[in-house]
Protein backbone atom coordinates (compact mmCIF):
# COMPACT_ATOMS: atom_id res chain seq x y z
CA UNK A 1 0.00 0.00 0.00
CA UNK A 2 1.23 3.49 -0.80
CA UNK A 3 0.11 4.92 2.52
CA UNK A 4 3.56 5.87 3.77
CA UNK A 5 4.45 7.53 0.46
CA UNK A 6 1.23 9.58 0.43
CA UNK A 7 1.59 10.53 4.08
CA UNK A 8 5.16 11.73 3.62
CA UNK A 9 4.22 13.71 0.49
CA UNK A 10 1.66 15.57 2.59
CA UNK A 11 4.21 16.06 5.39
CA UNK A 12 2.04 14.57 8.10
CA UNK A 13 2.97 12.19 10.89
CA UNK A 14 1.45 8.80 11.57
CA UNK A 15 -0.10 10.28 14.71
CA UNK A 16 -1.78 13.13 12.79
CA UNK A 17 -3.13 10.73 10.18
CA UNK A 18 -4.38 8.38 12.88
CA UNK A 19 -6.12 11.22 14.70
CA UNK A 20 -7.67 12.56 11.49
CA UNK A 21 -9.03 9.10 10.64
CA UNK A 22 -10.04 8.28 14.24
CA UNK A 23 -7.58 5.41 14.34
CA UNK A 24 -4.67 4.24 16.45
CA UNK A 25 -1.12 5.22 15.42
CA UNK A 26 -0.02 1.58 15.76
CA UNK A 27 -2.63 0.60 13.19
CA UNK A 28 -1.25 3.15 10.71
CA UNK A 29 2.24 1.80 11.34
CA UNK A 30 1.08 -1.77 10.70
CA UNK A 31 -0.58 -0.73 7.45
CA UNK A 32 2.62 0.99 6.32
CA UNK A 33 4.83 -2.01 7.12
CA UNK A 34 2.41 -4.46 5.56
CA UNK A 35 1.96 -6.49 8.73
CA UNK A 36 -1.78 -5.68 8.74
CA UNK A 37 -4.23 -5.02 5.92
CA UNK A 38 -6.96 -2.40 5.98
CA UNK A 39 -10.56 -3.49 5.58
CA UNK A 40 -12.76 -2.09 2.83
CA UNK A 41 -14.23 0.75 4.92
CA UNK A 42 -10.78 1.82 6.07
CA UNK A 43 -9.46 1.78 2.50
CA UNK A 44 -12.27 4.13 1.53
CA UNK A 45 -11.43 6.48 4.43
CA UNK A 46 -7.76 6.56 3.51
CA UNK A 47 -8.42 7.02 -0.22
CA UNK A 48 -10.88 9.84 0.49
CA UNK A 49 -8.44 11.49 2.91
CA UNK A 50 -5.70 11.61 0.27
CA UNK A 51 -8.14 12.11 -2.63
CA UNK A 52 -6.82 9.10 -4.54
CA UNK A 53 -8.42 5.94 -5.88
CA UNK A 54 -8.36 2.73 -3.89
CA UNK A 55 -6.60 1.08 -6.84
CA UNK A 56 -3.82 3.67 -6.56
CA UNK A 57 -3.63 3.16 -2.81
CA UNK A 58 -3.25 -0.59 -3.31
CA UNK A 59 -0.66 -0.21 -6.09
CA UNK A 60 -2.94 -1.58 -8.82
CA UNK A 61 -2.44 1.57 -10.91
CA UNK A 62 -0.02 4.44 -11.05
CA UNK A 63 -2.85 6.89 -11.76
CA UNK A 64 -4.00 8.49 -8.47
CA UNK A 65 -7.04 10.18 -10.04
CA UNK A 66 -10.40 8.82 -8.95
CA UNK A 67 -13.07 8.23 -11.58
CA UNK A 68 -16.16 9.95 -10.31
PDB file of N, CA and C in Angstrom:
ATOM      1  N   UNK A   1       0.849  -1.179   0.000  1.00  0.00           N
ATOM      2  CA  UNK A   1       0.000   0.000   0.000  1.00  0.00           C
ATOM      3  C   UNK A   1       0.895   1.243   0.000  1.00  0.00           C
ATOM      4  N   UNK A   2       0.446   2.264  -0.643  1.00  0.00           N
ATOM      5  CA  UNK A   2       1.227   3.487  -0.796  1.00  0.00           C
ATOM      6  C   UNK A   2       0.989   4.488   0.330  1.00  0.00           C
ATOM      7  N   UNK A   3       0.489   4.025   1.420  1.00  0.00           N
ATOM      8  CA  UNK A   3       0.111   4.916   2.515  1.00  0.00           C
ATOM      9  C   UNK A   3       1.287   5.758   3.004  1.00  0.00           C
ATOM     10  N   UNK A   4       2.409   5.143   3.248  1.00  0.00           N
ATOM     11  CA  UNK A   4       3.562   5.873   3.769  1.00  0.00           C
ATOM     12  C   UNK A   4       4.009   6.952   2.783  1.00  0.00           C
ATOM     13  N   UNK A   5       4.055   6.596   1.512  1.00  0.00           N
ATOM     14  CA  UNK A   5       4.448   7.534   0.464  1.00  0.00           C
ATOM     15  C   UNK A   5       3.505   8.741   0.429  1.00  0.00           C
ATOM     16  N   UNK A   6       2.213   8.490   0.459  1.00  0.00           N
ATOM     17  CA  UNK A   6       1.226   9.576   0.433  1.00  0.00           C
ATOM     18  C   UNK A   6       1.331  10.449   1.685  1.00  0.00           C
ATOM     19  N   UNK A   7       1.494   9.791   2.818  1.00  0.00           N
ATOM     20  CA  UNK A   7       1.587  10.526   4.081  1.00  0.00           C
ATOM     21  C   UNK A   7       2.814  11.436   4.096  1.00  0.00           C
ATOM     22  N   UNK A   8       3.941  10.924   3.639  1.00  0.00           N
ATOM     23  CA  UNK A   8       5.163  11.729   3.625  1.00  0.00           C
ATOM     24  C   UNK A   8       5.072  12.873   2.618  1.00  0.00           C
ATOM     25  N   UNK A   9       4.419  12.640   1.475  1.00  0.00           N
ATOM     26  CA  UNK A   9       4.223  13.707   0.488  1.00  0.00           C
ATOM     27  C   UNK A   9       3.438  14.869   1.086  1.00  0.00           C
ATOM     28  N   UNK A  10       2.476  14.543   1.939  1.00  0.00           N
ATOM     29  CA  UNK A  10       1.657  15.575   2.588  1.00  0.00           C
ATOM     30  C   UNK A  10       2.358  16.173   3.805  1.00  0.00           C
ATOM     31  N   UNK A  11       3.452  15.558   4.240  1.00  0.00           N
ATOM     32  CA  UNK A  11       4.206  16.062   5.385  1.00  0.00           C
ATOM     33  C   UNK A  11       3.488  15.887   6.712  1.00  0.00           C
ATOM     34  N   UNK A  12       2.737  14.798   6.839  1.00  0.00           N
ATOM     35  CA  UNK A  12       2.037  14.566   8.100  1.00  0.00           C
ATOM     36  C   UNK A  12       2.584  13.322   8.790  1.00  0.00           C
ATOM     37  N   UNK A  13       2.467  13.308  10.090  1.00  0.00           N
ATOM     38  CA  UNK A  13       2.965  12.187  10.887  1.00  0.00           C
ATOM     39  C   UNK A  13       1.932  11.071  10.937  1.00  0.00           C
ATOM     40  N   UNK A  14       2.377   9.914  11.368  1.00  0.00           N
ATOM     41  CA  UNK A  14       1.450   8.804  11.574  1.00  0.00           C
ATOM     42  C   UNK A  14       0.402   9.185  12.613  1.00  0.00           C
ATOM     43  N   UNK A  15       0.825   9.886  13.647  1.00  0.00           N
ATOM     44  CA  UNK A  15      -0.103  10.282  14.708  1.00  0.00           C
ATOM     45  C   UNK A  15      -1.180  11.215  14.173  1.00  0.00           C
ATOM     46  N   UNK A  16      -0.799  12.198  13.369  1.00  0.00           N
ATOM     47  CA  UNK A  16      -1.781  13.130  12.794  1.00  0.00           C
ATOM     48  C   UNK A  16      -2.765  12.383  11.905  1.00  0.00           C
ATOM     49  N   UNK A  17      -2.256  11.505  11.055  1.00  0.00           N
ATOM     50  CA  UNK A  17      -3.128  10.734  10.183  1.00  0.00           C
ATOM     51  C   UNK A  17      -4.084   9.881  11.011  1.00  0.00           C
ATOM     52  N   UNK A  18      -3.543   9.221  12.016  1.00  0.00           N
ATOM     53  CA  UNK A  18      -4.376   8.380  12.879  1.00  0.00           C
ATOM     54  C   UNK A  18      -5.469   9.205  13.550  1.00  0.00           C
ATOM     55  N   UNK A  19      -5.131  10.372  14.044  1.00  0.00           N
ATOM     56  CA  UNK A  19      -6.120  11.225  14.696  1.00  0.00           C
ATOM     57  C   UNK A  19      -7.170  11.696  13.694  1.00  0.00           C
ATOM     58  N   UNK A  20      -6.744  12.088  12.509  1.00  0.00           N
ATOM     59  CA  UNK A  20      -7.672  12.565  11.487  1.00  0.00           C
ATOM     60  C   UNK A  20      -8.649  11.475  11.039  1.00  0.00           C
ATOM     61  N   UNK A  21      -8.196  10.223  11.070  1.00  0.00           N
ATOM     62  CA  UNK A  21      -9.027   9.100  10.636  1.00  0.00           C
ATOM     63  C   UNK A  21      -9.676   8.365  11.812  1.00  0.00           C
ATOM     64  N   UNK A  22      -9.500   8.905  13.020  1.00  0.00           N
ATOM     65  CA  UNK A  22     -10.038   8.276  14.241  1.00  0.00           C
ATOM     66  C   UNK A  22      -9.537   6.839  14.382  1.00  0.00           C
ATOM     67  N   UNK A  23      -8.226   6.715  14.249  1.00  0.00           N
ATOM     68  CA  UNK A  23      -7.585   5.408  14.342  1.00  0.00           C
ATOM     69  C   UNK A  23      -6.445   5.482  15.344  1.00  0.00           C
ATOM     70  N   UNK A  24      -5.823   4.345  15.575  1.00  0.00           N
ATOM     71  CA  UNK A  24      -4.670   4.238  16.453  1.00  0.00           C
ATOM     72  C   UNK A  24      -3.393   4.374  15.621  1.00  0.00           C
ATOM     73  N   UNK A  25      -2.385   5.048  16.149  1.00  0.00           N
ATOM     74  CA  UNK A  25      -1.121   5.223  15.421  1.00  0.00           C
ATOM     75  C   UNK A  25      -0.482   3.874  15.105  1.00  0.00           C
ATOM     76  N   UNK A  26      -0.599   2.911  16.013  1.00  0.00           N
ATOM     77  CA  UNK A  26      -0.021   1.584  15.762  1.00  0.00           C
ATOM     78  C   UNK A  26      -0.659   0.917  14.549  1.00  0.00           C
ATOM     79  N   UNK A  27      -1.940   1.161  14.344  1.00  0.00           N
ATOM     80  CA  UNK A  27      -2.631   0.596  13.187  1.00  0.00           C
ATOM     81  C   UNK A  27      -2.063   1.181  11.901  1.00  0.00           C
ATOM     82  N   UNK A  28      -1.849   2.496  11.885  1.00  0.00           N
ATOM     83  CA  UNK A  28      -1.253   3.147  10.707  1.00  0.00           C
ATOM     84  C   UNK A  28       0.127   2.549  10.443  1.00  0.00           C
ATOM     85  N   UNK A  29       0.913   2.382  11.478  1.00  0.00           N
ATOM     86  CA  UNK A  29       2.244   1.801  11.340  1.00  0.00           C
ATOM     87  C   UNK A  29       2.175   0.394  10.754  1.00  0.00           C
ATOM     88  N   UNK A  30       1.229  -0.408  11.218  1.00  0.00           N
ATOM     89  CA  UNK A  30       1.078  -1.772  10.704  1.00  0.00           C
ATOM     90  C   UNK A  30       0.661  -1.776   9.238  1.00  0.00           C
ATOM     91  N   UNK A  31      -0.197  -0.843   8.861  1.00  0.00           N
ATOM     92  CA  UNK A  31      -0.583  -0.732   7.446  1.00  0.00           C
ATOM     93  C   UNK A  31       0.640  -0.388   6.599  1.00  0.00           C
ATOM     94  N   UNK A  32       1.453   0.543   7.090  1.00  0.00           N
ATOM     95  CA  UNK A  32       2.623   0.988   6.324  1.00  0.00           C
ATOM     96  C   UNK A  32       3.675  -0.103   6.183  1.00  0.00           C
ATOM     97  N   UNK A  33       3.831  -0.941   7.187  1.00  0.00           N
ATOM     98  CA  UNK A  33       4.830  -2.009   7.120  1.00  0.00           C
ATOM     99  C   UNK A  33       4.308  -3.261   6.432  1.00  0.00           C
ATOM    100  N   UNK A  34       3.000  -3.305   6.218  1.00  0.00           N
ATOM    101  CA  UNK A  34       2.408  -4.463   5.561  1.00  0.00           C
ATOM    102  C   UNK A  34       2.103  -5.615   6.492  1.00  0.00           C
ATOM    103  N   UNK A  35       2.251  -5.406   7.794  1.00  0.00           N
ATOM    104  CA  UNK A  35       1.959  -6.486   8.734  1.00  0.00           C
ATOM    105  C   UNK A  35       0.462  -6.618   9.024  1.00  0.00           C
ATOM    106  N   UNK A  36      -0.323  -5.654   8.565  1.00  0.00           N
ATOM    107  CA  UNK A  36      -1.778  -5.676   8.740  1.00  0.00           C
ATOM    108  C   UNK A  36      -2.403  -5.056   7.498  1.00  0.00           C
ATOM    109  N   UNK A  37      -3.556  -5.559   7.089  1.00  0.00           N
ATOM    110  CA  UNK A  37      -4.235  -5.019   5.916  1.00  0.00           C
ATOM    111  C   UNK A  37      -5.514  -4.301   6.337  1.00  0.00           C
ATOM    112  N   UNK A  38      -5.762  -3.186   5.694  1.00  0.00           N
ATOM    113  CA  UNK A  38      -6.956  -2.402   5.984  1.00  0.00           C
ATOM    114  C   UNK A  38      -8.185  -3.087   5.402  1.00  0.00           C
ATOM    115  N   UNK A  39      -9.303  -2.974   6.121  1.00  0.00           N
ATOM    116  CA  UNK A  39     -10.559  -3.494   5.580  1.00  0.00           C
ATOM    117  C   UNK A  39     -11.110  -2.499   4.556  1.00  0.00           C
ATOM    118  N   UNK A  40     -12.193  -2.894   3.910  1.00  0.00           N
ATOM    119  CA  UNK A  40     -12.763  -2.091   2.830  1.00  0.00           C
ATOM    120  C   UNK A  40     -13.139  -0.682   3.290  1.00  0.00           C
ATOM    121  N   UNK A  41     -13.804  -0.568   4.416  1.00  0.00           N
ATOM    122  CA  UNK A  41     -14.227   0.746   4.915  1.00  0.00           C
ATOM    123  C   UNK A  41     -13.028   1.638   5.221  1.00  0.00           C
ATOM    124  N   UNK A  42     -11.987   1.053   5.757  1.00  0.00           N
ATOM    125  CA  UNK A  42     -10.781   1.819   6.073  1.00  0.00           C
ATOM    126  C   UNK A  42     -10.084   2.263   4.793  1.00  0.00           C
ATOM    127  N   UNK A  43     -10.048   1.402   3.784  1.00  0.00           N
ATOM    128  CA  UNK A  43      -9.459   1.779   2.497  1.00  0.00           C
ATOM    129  C   UNK A  43     -10.186   2.986   1.911  1.00  0.00           C
ATOM    130  N   UNK A  44     -11.493   2.998   2.026  1.00  0.00           N
ATOM    131  CA  UNK A  44     -12.274   4.131   1.531  1.00  0.00           C
ATOM    132  C   UNK A  44     -11.910   5.405   2.293  1.00  0.00           C
ATOM    133  N   UNK A  45     -11.806   5.317   3.610  1.00  0.00           N
ATOM    134  CA  UNK A  45     -11.435   6.484   4.429  1.00  0.00           C
ATOM    135  C   UNK A  45     -10.079   7.045   4.017  1.00  0.00           C
ATOM    136  N   UNK A  46      -9.118   6.137   3.856  1.00  0.00           N
ATOM    137  CA  UNK A  46      -7.758   6.565   3.505  1.00  0.00           C
ATOM    138  C   UNK A  46      -7.727   7.163   2.097  1.00  0.00           C
ATOM    139  N   UNK A  47      -8.386   6.513   1.153  1.00  0.00           N
ATOM    140  CA  UNK A  47      -8.421   7.020  -0.217  1.00  0.00           C
ATOM    141  C   UNK A  47      -9.096   8.387  -0.277  1.00  0.00           C
ATOM    142  N   UNK A  48     -10.194   8.546   0.447  1.00  0.00           N
ATOM    143  CA  UNK A  48     -10.880   9.843   0.490  1.00  0.00           C
ATOM    144  C   UNK A  48     -10.011  10.910   1.144  1.00  0.00           C
ATOM    145  N   UNK A  49      -9.305  10.544   2.190  1.00  0.00           N
ATOM    146  CA  UNK A  49      -8.436  11.490   2.906  1.00  0.00           C
ATOM    147  C   UNK A  49      -7.366  12.057   1.965  1.00  0.00           C
ATOM    148  N   UNK A  50      -6.771  11.182   1.179  1.00  0.00           N
ATOM    149  CA  UNK A  50      -5.698  11.611   0.275  1.00  0.00           C
ATOM    150  C   UNK A  50      -6.208  11.961  -1.132  1.00  0.00           C
ATOM    151  N   UNK A  51      -7.502  11.817  -1.346  1.00  0.00           N
ATOM    152  CA  UNK A  51      -8.139  12.108  -2.633  1.00  0.00           C
ATOM    153  C   UNK A  51      -7.488  11.315  -3.768  1.00  0.00           C
ATOM    154  N   UNK A  52      -7.350  10.013  -3.535  1.00  0.00           N
ATOM    155  CA  UNK A  52      -6.818   9.096  -4.543  1.00  0.00           C
ATOM    156  C   UNK A  52      -7.769   7.912  -4.667  1.00  0.00           C
ATOM    157  N   UNK A  53      -7.601   7.136  -5.713  1.00  0.00           N
ATOM    158  CA  UNK A  53      -8.423   5.944  -5.878  1.00  0.00           C
ATOM    159  C   UNK A  53      -7.900   4.823  -4.979  1.00  0.00           C
ATOM    160  N   UNK A  54      -8.776   3.888  -4.677  1.00  0.00           N
ATOM    161  CA  UNK A  54      -8.358   2.727  -3.891  1.00  0.00           C
ATOM    162  C   UNK A  54      -7.358   1.905  -4.696  1.00  0.00           C
ATOM    163  N   UNK A  55      -7.555   1.807  -6.001  1.00  0.00           N
ATOM    164  CA  UNK A  55      -6.597   1.077  -6.844  1.00  0.00           C
ATOM    165  C   UNK A  55      -5.202   1.689  -6.743  1.00  0.00           C
ATOM    166  N   UNK A  56      -5.118   3.009  -6.712  1.00  0.00           N
ATOM    167  CA  UNK A  56      -3.819   3.668  -6.562  1.00  0.00           C
ATOM    168  C   UNK A  56      -3.235   3.349  -5.190  1.00  0.00           C
ATOM    169  N   UNK A  57      -4.064   3.436  -4.181  1.00  0.00           N
ATOM    170  CA  UNK A  57      -3.631   3.159  -2.810  1.00  0.00           C
ATOM    171  C   UNK A  57      -3.059   1.748  -2.683  1.00  0.00           C
ATOM    172  N   UNK A  58      -3.671   0.803  -3.377  1.00  0.00           N
ATOM    173  CA  UNK A  58      -3.246  -0.593  -3.313  1.00  0.00           C
ATOM    174  C   UNK A  58      -2.139  -0.939  -4.310  1.00  0.00           C
ATOM    175  N   UNK A  59      -1.737   0.031  -5.134  1.00  0.00           N
ATOM    176  CA  UNK A  59      -0.663  -0.209  -6.094  1.00  0.00           C
ATOM    177  C   UNK A  59      -1.110  -0.910  -7.361  1.00  0.00           C
ATOM    178  N   UNK A  60      -2.419  -0.940  -7.617  1.00  0.00           N
ATOM    179  CA  UNK A  60      -2.941  -1.584  -8.823  1.00  0.00           C
ATOM    180  C   UNK A  60      -2.852  -0.682 -10.040  1.00  0.00           C
ATOM    181  N   UNK A  61      -2.615   0.611  -9.828  1.00  0.00           N
ATOM    182  CA  UNK A  61      -2.440   1.574 -10.909  1.00  0.00           C
ATOM    183  C   UNK A  61      -1.494   2.650 -10.440  1.00  0.00           C
ATOM    184  N   UNK A  62      -0.875   3.318 -11.391  1.00  0.00           N
ATOM    185  CA  UNK A  62      -0.016   4.445 -11.055  1.00  0.00           C
ATOM    186  C   UNK A  62      -0.748   5.775 -11.227  1.00  0.00           C
ATOM    187  N   UNK A  63      -2.026   5.704 -11.570  1.00  0.00           N
ATOM    188  CA  UNK A  63      -2.846   6.895 -11.757  1.00  0.00           C
ATOM    189  C   UNK A  63      -3.640   7.161 -10.464  1.00  0.00           C
ATOM    190  N   UNK A  64      -3.317   8.226  -9.741  1.00  0.00           N
ATOM    191  CA  UNK A  64      -4.001   8.494  -8.470  1.00  0.00           C
ATOM    192  C   UNK A  64      -5.400   9.081  -8.624  1.00  0.00           C
ATOM    193  N   UNK A  65      -5.779   9.496  -9.838  1.00  0.00           N
ATOM    194  CA  UNK A  65      -7.039  10.176 -10.040  1.00  0.00           C
ATOM    195  C   UNK A  65      -8.209   9.211  -9.910  1.00  0.00           C
ATOM    196  N   UNK A  66      -9.204   9.626  -9.125  1.00  0.00           N
ATOM    197  CA  UNK A  66     -10.404   8.817  -8.952  1.00  0.00           C
ATOM    198  C   UNK A  66     -11.362   9.096 -10.087  1.00  0.00           C
ATOM    199  N   UNK A  67     -12.001   8.065 -10.581  1.00  0.00           N
ATOM    200  CA  UNK A  67     -13.066   8.234 -11.584  1.00  0.00           C
ATOM    201  C   UNK A  67     -14.367   8.452 -10.849  1.00  0.00           C
ATOM    202  N   UNK A  68     -14.918   9.642 -11.028  1.00  0.00           N
ATOM    203  CA  UNK A  68     -16.161   9.952 -10.308  1.00  0.00           C
ATOM    204  C   UNK A  68     -17.306  10.021 -11.264  1.00  0.00           C
TER     205      UNK A  68
END
